[in-house]
C-alpha atoms as a PDB file:
ATOM      1  CA  MET A   1       0.000   0.000   0.000  1.00  0.00           C
ATOM      2  CA  GLU A   2       1.435   3.333  -1.068  1.00  0.00           C
ATOM      3  CA  LEU A   3       1.119   5.941   1.656  1.00  0.00           C
ATOM      4  CA  LYS A   4       0.683   9.482   0.441  1.00  0.00           C
ATOM      5  CA  GLY A   5      -1.684  12.302   1.177  1.00  0.00           C
ATOM      6  CA  LEU A   6      -3.672  13.047   4.307  1.00  0.00           C
ATOM      7  CA  TYR A   7      -4.364  10.326   6.892  1.00  0.00           C
ATOM      8  CA  THR A   8      -6.377  11.274   9.961  1.00  0.00           C
ATOM      9  CA  ALA A   9      -5.937   9.539  13.315  1.00  0.00           C
ATOM     10  CA  ILE A  10      -9.685   9.615  13.857  1.00  0.00           C
ATOM     11  CA  ILE A  11     -11.120   9.655  17.367  1.00  0.00           C
ATOM     12  CA  THR A  12     -13.396   6.961  18.724  1.00  0.00           C
ATOM     13  CA  PRO A  13     -16.424   8.788  20.154  1.00  0.00           C
ATOM     14  CA  PHE A  14     -18.192   7.538  23.270  1.00  0.00           C
ATOM     15  CA  ARG A  15     -21.702   8.050  24.615  1.00  0.00           C
ATOM     16  CA  ASN A  16     -22.775   6.796  28.039  1.00  0.00           C
ATOM     17  CA  GLY A  17     -19.565   4.794  28.465  1.00  0.00           C
ATOM     18  CA  ARG A  18     -19.863   2.920  25.154  1.00  0.00           C
ATOM     19  CA  VAL A  19     -18.448   3.440  21.684  1.00  0.00           C
ATOM     20  CA  ASP A  20     -20.854   5.604  19.683  1.00  0.00           C
ATOM     21  CA  TYR A  21     -20.649   3.835  16.328  1.00  0.00           C
ATOM     22  CA  GLU A  22     -23.181   6.113  14.624  1.00  0.00           C
ATOM     23  CA  LYS A  23     -21.142   9.222  15.502  1.00  0.00           C
ATOM     24  CA  PHE A  24     -17.978   7.347  14.472  1.00  0.00           C
ATOM     25  CA  LYS A  25     -19.493   6.724  11.017  1.00  0.00           C
ATOM     26  CA  GLU A  26     -20.415  10.423  10.780  1.00  0.00           C
ATOM     27  CA  LEU A  27     -16.819  11.378  11.572  1.00  0.00           C
ATOM     28  CA  ILE A  28     -15.550   9.016   8.881  1.00  0.00           C
ATOM     29  CA  GLU A  29     -17.980  10.554   6.362  1.00  0.00           C
ATOM     30  CA  ALA A  30     -16.736  14.029   7.290  1.00  0.00           C
ATOM     31  CA  GLN A  31     -13.108  13.000   6.760  1.00  0.00           C
ATOM     32  CA  ILE A  32     -13.875  11.470   3.377  1.00  0.00           C
ATOM     33  CA  ALA A  33     -15.930  14.522   2.332  1.00  0.00           C
ATOM     34  CA  GLY A  34     -13.004  16.703   3.418  1.00  0.00           C
ATOM     35  CA  GLY A  35     -10.629  14.870   1.109  1.00  0.00           C
ATOM     36  CA  ALA A  36      -8.771  12.579   3.499  1.00  0.00           C
ATOM     37  CA  ASP A  37      -6.841   9.888   1.637  1.00  0.00           C
ATOM     38  CA  GLY A  38      -7.078   7.579   4.626  1.00  0.00           C
ATOM     39  CA  ILE A  39      -8.067   7.259   8.239  1.00  0.00           C
ATOM     40  CA  VAL A  40      -6.336   5.636  11.185  1.00  0.00           C
ATOM     41  CA  PRO A  41      -8.930   4.142  13.532  1.00  0.00           C
ATOM     42  CA  VAL A  42      -7.687   3.490  17.082  1.00  0.00           C
ATOM     43  CA  GLY A  43      -4.429   5.174  16.149  1.00  0.00           C
ATOM     44  CA  THR A  44      -2.801   7.585  18.539  1.00  0.00           C
ATOM     45  CA  SER A  45      -5.748   9.743  19.539  1.00  0.00           C
ATOM     46  CA  GLY A  46      -5.682   8.405  23.098  1.00  0.00           C
ATOM     47  CA  GLU A  47      -8.720   6.169  23.539  1.00  0.00           C
ATOM     48  CA  SER A  48      -7.142   2.879  22.487  1.00  0.00           C
ATOM     49  CA  PRO A  49      -6.165   1.783  26.031  1.00  0.00           C
ATOM     50  CA  THR A  50      -9.771   2.229  27.193  1.00  0.00           C
ATOM     51  CA  LEU A  51     -11.135  -0.292  24.684  1.00  0.00           C
ATOM     52  CA  SER A  52     -11.304  -4.032  25.145  1.00  0.00           C
ATOM     53  CA  MET A  53      -9.577  -6.071  22.446  1.00  0.00           C
ATOM     54  CA  GLU A  54     -12.992  -6.964  21.020  1.00  0.00           C
ATOM     55  CA  GLU A  55     -14.109  -3.305  20.948  1.00  0.00           C
ATOM     56  CA  HIS A  56     -10.814  -2.337  19.312  1.00  0.00           C
ATOM     57  CA  ALA A  57     -11.341  -4.929  16.574  1.00  0.00           C
ATOM     58  CA  GLU A  58     -14.966  -3.799  16.120  1.00  0.00           C
ATOM     59  CA  VAL A  59     -13.946  -0.147  15.701  1.00  0.00           C
ATOM     60  CA  ILE A  60     -11.596  -1.190  12.890  1.00  0.00           C
ATOM     61  CA  ARG A  61     -14.282  -3.373  11.285  1.00  0.00           C
ATOM     62  CA  VAL A  62     -16.817  -0.534  11.387  1.00  0.00           C
ATOM     63  CA  ALA A  63     -14.262   1.891   9.907  1.00  0.00           C
ATOM     64  CA  VAL A  64     -13.559  -0.434   6.981  1.00  0.00           C
ATOM     65  CA  GLN A  65     -17.275  -0.969   6.411  1.00  0.00           C
ATOM     66  CA  ALA A  66     -18.122   2.747   6.651  1.00  0.00           C
ATOM     67  CA  ALA A  67     -15.296   3.832   4.341  1.00  0.00           C
ATOM     68  CA  ASP A  68     -16.409   1.229   1.795  1.00  0.00           C
ATOM     69  CA  GLY A  69     -13.218   1.554  -0.258  1.00  0.00           C
ATOM     70  CA  ARG A  70     -13.479   5.354  -0.582  1.00  0.00           C
ATOM     71  CA  CYS A  71     -10.294   5.892   1.407  1.00  0.00           C
ATOM     72  CA  LYS A  72      -7.549   3.724   2.811  1.00  0.00           C
ATOM     73  CA  ILE A  73      -7.656   2.390   6.351  1.00  0.00           C
ATOM     74  CA  MET A  74      -4.495   2.126   8.434  1.00  0.00           C
ATOM     75  CA  ALA A  75      -5.656   0.213  11.481  1.00  0.00           C
ATOM     76  CA  GLY A  76      -4.013   1.059  14.780  1.00  0.00           C
ATOM     77  CA  SER A  77      -2.927  -2.149  16.483  1.00  0.00           C
ATOM     78  CA  GLY A  78      -0.322  -1.040  18.982  1.00  0.00           C
ATOM     79  CA  ALA A  79      -0.693  -2.067  22.605  1.00  0.00           C
ATOM     80  CA  ASN A  80       1.230  -2.223  25.866  1.00  0.00           C
ATOM     81  CA  SER A  81       1.048  -6.011  25.789  1.00  0.00           C
ATOM     82  CA  THR A  82       2.693  -8.068  23.057  1.00  0.00           C
ATOM     83  CA  GLU A  83      -0.140 -10.615  23.226  1.00  0.00           C
ATOM     84  CA  GLU A  84      -2.717  -7.854  22.762  1.00  0.00           C
ATOM     85  CA  ALA A  85      -0.783  -6.243  19.887  1.00  0.00           C
ATOM     86  CA  ILE A  86      -0.576  -9.605  18.097  1.00  0.00           C
ATOM     87  CA  PHE A  87      -4.312 -10.209  18.579  1.00  0.00           C
ATOM     88  CA  LEU A  88      -5.192  -6.720  17.339  1.00  0.00           C
ATOM     89  CA  THR A  89      -2.892  -6.958  14.315  1.00  0.00           C
ATOM     90  CA  LYS A  90      -4.281 -10.344  13.319  1.00  0.00           C
ATOM     91  CA  SER A  91      -7.868  -9.183  13.754  1.00  0.00           C
ATOM     92  CA  ALA A  92      -7.191  -6.006  11.771  1.00  0.00           C
ATOM     93  CA  LYS A  93      -5.794  -7.999   8.886  1.00  0.00           C
END
């Protein structure tokens, strides 16, 4: 994958202690409409450590689905635990 252009480390919005997937999709739409070449879900915007591994994987899945090939997705899969980073990388693939 050639990396060029604008990639946004997009936030993961929350409402009432849960990921707000509808707002997340709206944010993705706004980035695409604004000309972003790609987005980085659960990148370095700070919320990654607050998500379970399953939530983390779901955020990436929703991002891919919402973007629907209109921009590239660079899934964040870093973690403080090697086991968690391996799980997240495999699930992102």
